[in-house]
């Protein structure tokens, strides 16, 4: 079992920045990849960014060049640096970890005002 706890969400004006953090606990040695998804009201949950243990990263086209995903050296914490935020980035952001199972955090709200 892996537990994920997000932090760092909040309200920011368009053009601003936020950094989300997610701390993993439990069976962390089994984690293969970690990332972030988001879900806006009335929309499906979508991938924002993902990083693997080997350092490969993948980003949604809508955030490329604005968001950066990273993990700390212990690989227990994943960050999402978000810059040049837009109102359409408003969503609940969920931390995700993959072992041979999917694990999700409870989510953190990001609201970008215009």
Protein backbone atom coordinates (compact mmCIF):
# COMPACT_ATOMS: atom_id res chain seq x y z
CA UNK A 1 0.00 0.00 0.00
CA UNK A 2 1.11 3.53 -0.80
CA UNK A 3 -0.32 6.64 0.81
CA UNK A 4 -0.08 10.00 -0.93
CA UNK A 5 -0.57 13.41 0.63
CA UNK A 6 -0.69 16.56 -1.49
CA UNK A 7 -0.10 20.14 -0.43
CA UNK A 8 0.48 23.52 -2.00
CA UNK A 9 -2.78 24.28 -3.73
CA UNK A 10 -4.52 27.62 -3.43
CA UNK A 11 -5.79 30.70 -5.19
CA UNK A 12 -3.52 32.59 -7.56
CA UNK A 13 -3.97 35.25 -10.22
CA UNK A 14 -3.45 34.47 -13.86
CA UNK A 15 0.23 34.63 -14.71
CA UNK A 16 1.23 33.58 -11.22
CA UNK A 17 3.00 30.51 -9.92
CA UNK A 18 2.34 27.67 -7.49
CA UNK A 19 4.26 24.59 -6.48
CA UNK A 20 2.45 21.43 -5.47
CA UNK A 21 4.07 18.77 -3.33
CA UNK A 22 3.13 15.16 -2.76
CA UNK A 23 4.69 12.96 -0.11
CA UNK A 24 4.49 9.20 -0.47
CA UNK A 25 4.58 6.80 2.43
CA UNK A 26 4.10 3.07 2.90
CA UNK A 27 5.49 0.70 0.27
CA UNK A 28 7.53 3.40 -1.45
CA UNK A 29 10.17 0.98 -2.74
CA UNK A 30 7.54 -0.47 -5.07
CA UNK A 31 6.80 2.86 -6.74
CA UNK A 32 7.66 2.84 -10.44
CA UNK A 33 6.37 6.25 -11.41
CA UNK A 34 4.70 9.27 -9.84
CA UNK A 35 2.81 12.14 -11.31
CA UNK A 36 -0.04 14.57 -11.28
CA UNK A 37 -3.50 14.49 -12.75
CA UNK A 38 -6.18 17.15 -12.61
CA UNK A 39 -9.93 17.30 -12.87
CA UNK A 40 -11.86 20.45 -13.63
CA UNK A 41 -15.60 20.72 -12.91
CA UNK A 42 -17.61 18.81 -15.47
CA UNK A 43 -14.51 17.34 -17.10
CA UNK A 44 -12.69 14.04 -16.98
CA UNK A 45 -9.53 13.57 -14.98
CA UNK A 46 -6.51 14.17 -17.18
CA UNK A 47 -2.80 13.58 -16.98
CA UNK A 48 -0.75 16.70 -16.24
CA UNK A 49 2.75 15.30 -15.80
CA UNK A 50 4.46 12.05 -14.97
CA UNK A 51 7.99 11.00 -14.02
CA UNK A 52 9.50 7.55 -13.78
CA UNK A 53 12.23 6.18 -11.52
CA UNK A 54 14.63 6.44 -14.45
CA UNK A 55 13.91 10.14 -14.78
CA UNK A 56 11.72 10.08 -17.86
CA UNK A 57 9.03 12.74 -17.86
CA UNK A 58 5.84 13.25 -19.79
CA UNK A 59 3.65 16.35 -19.93
CA UNK A 60 0.24 17.22 -21.25
CA UNK A 61 0.56 19.48 -24.28
CA UNK A 62 -1.42 22.17 -22.48
CA UNK A 63 1.22 22.55 -19.76
CA UNK A 64 4.47 22.01 -21.66
CA UNK A 65 6.87 24.88 -21.08
CA UNK A 66 4.91 26.10 -18.06
CA UNK A 67 4.91 23.17 -15.61
CA UNK A 68 7.86 21.16 -14.34
CA UNK A 69 7.66 17.85 -12.50
CA UNK A 70 10.47 16.66 -10.25
CA UNK A 71 11.20 14.20 -7.46
CA UNK A 72 13.52 14.47 -4.52
CA UNK A 73 16.54 12.20 -4.12
CA UNK A 74 14.69 9.82 -1.85
CA UNK A 75 11.98 9.57 -4.50
CA UNK A 76 9.35 9.91 -1.80
CA UNK A 77 8.25 13.41 -2.78
CA UNK A 78 7.10 14.63 -6.16
CA UNK A 79 6.72 18.30 -7.00
CA UNK A 80 4.84 20.17 -9.67
CA UNK A 81 6.12 23.66 -10.36
CA UNK A 82 3.45 25.62 -12.17
CA UNK A 83 4.24 28.94 -13.83
CA UNK A 84 2.31 31.30 -16.07
CA UNK A 85 -0.91 29.88 -14.70
CA UNK A 86 -4.10 30.34 -16.68
CA UNK A 87 -7.74 30.26 -15.57
CA UNK A 88 -8.11 27.01 -17.51
CA UNK A 89 -5.58 25.42 -15.14
CA UNK A 90 -8.20 25.65 -12.39
CA UNK A 91 -8.89 22.13 -11.16
CA UNK A 92 -8.40 19.68 -8.35
CA UNK A 93 -4.90 18.29 -8.73
CA UNK A 94 -4.33 14.67 -7.72
CA UNK A 95 -1.05 13.03 -6.93
CA UNK A 96 -0.62 9.60 -8.50
CA UNK A 97 1.76 6.72 -7.90
CA UNK A 98 2.09 3.47 -9.80
CA UNK A 99 3.47 0.24 -8.49
CA UNK A 100 1.61 -2.58 -10.11
CA UNK A 101 -1.44 -0.81 -8.73
CA UNK A 102 -2.70 2.74 -9.01
CA UNK A 103 -2.66 4.98 -5.96
CA UNK A 104 -4.22 8.40 -5.62
CA UNK A 105 -4.06 11.26 -3.20
CA UNK A 106 -7.17 13.08 -2.06
CA UNK A 107 -6.43 16.09 -4.23
CA UNK A 108 -5.63 19.74 -3.73
CA UNK A 109 -7.59 22.62 -5.25
CA UNK A 110 -5.86 25.06 -7.57
CA UNK A 111 -7.87 28.11 -8.57
CA UNK A 112 -6.53 30.63 -11.07
CA UNK A 113 -8.42 33.89 -11.25
CA UNK A 114 -8.50 36.03 -14.37
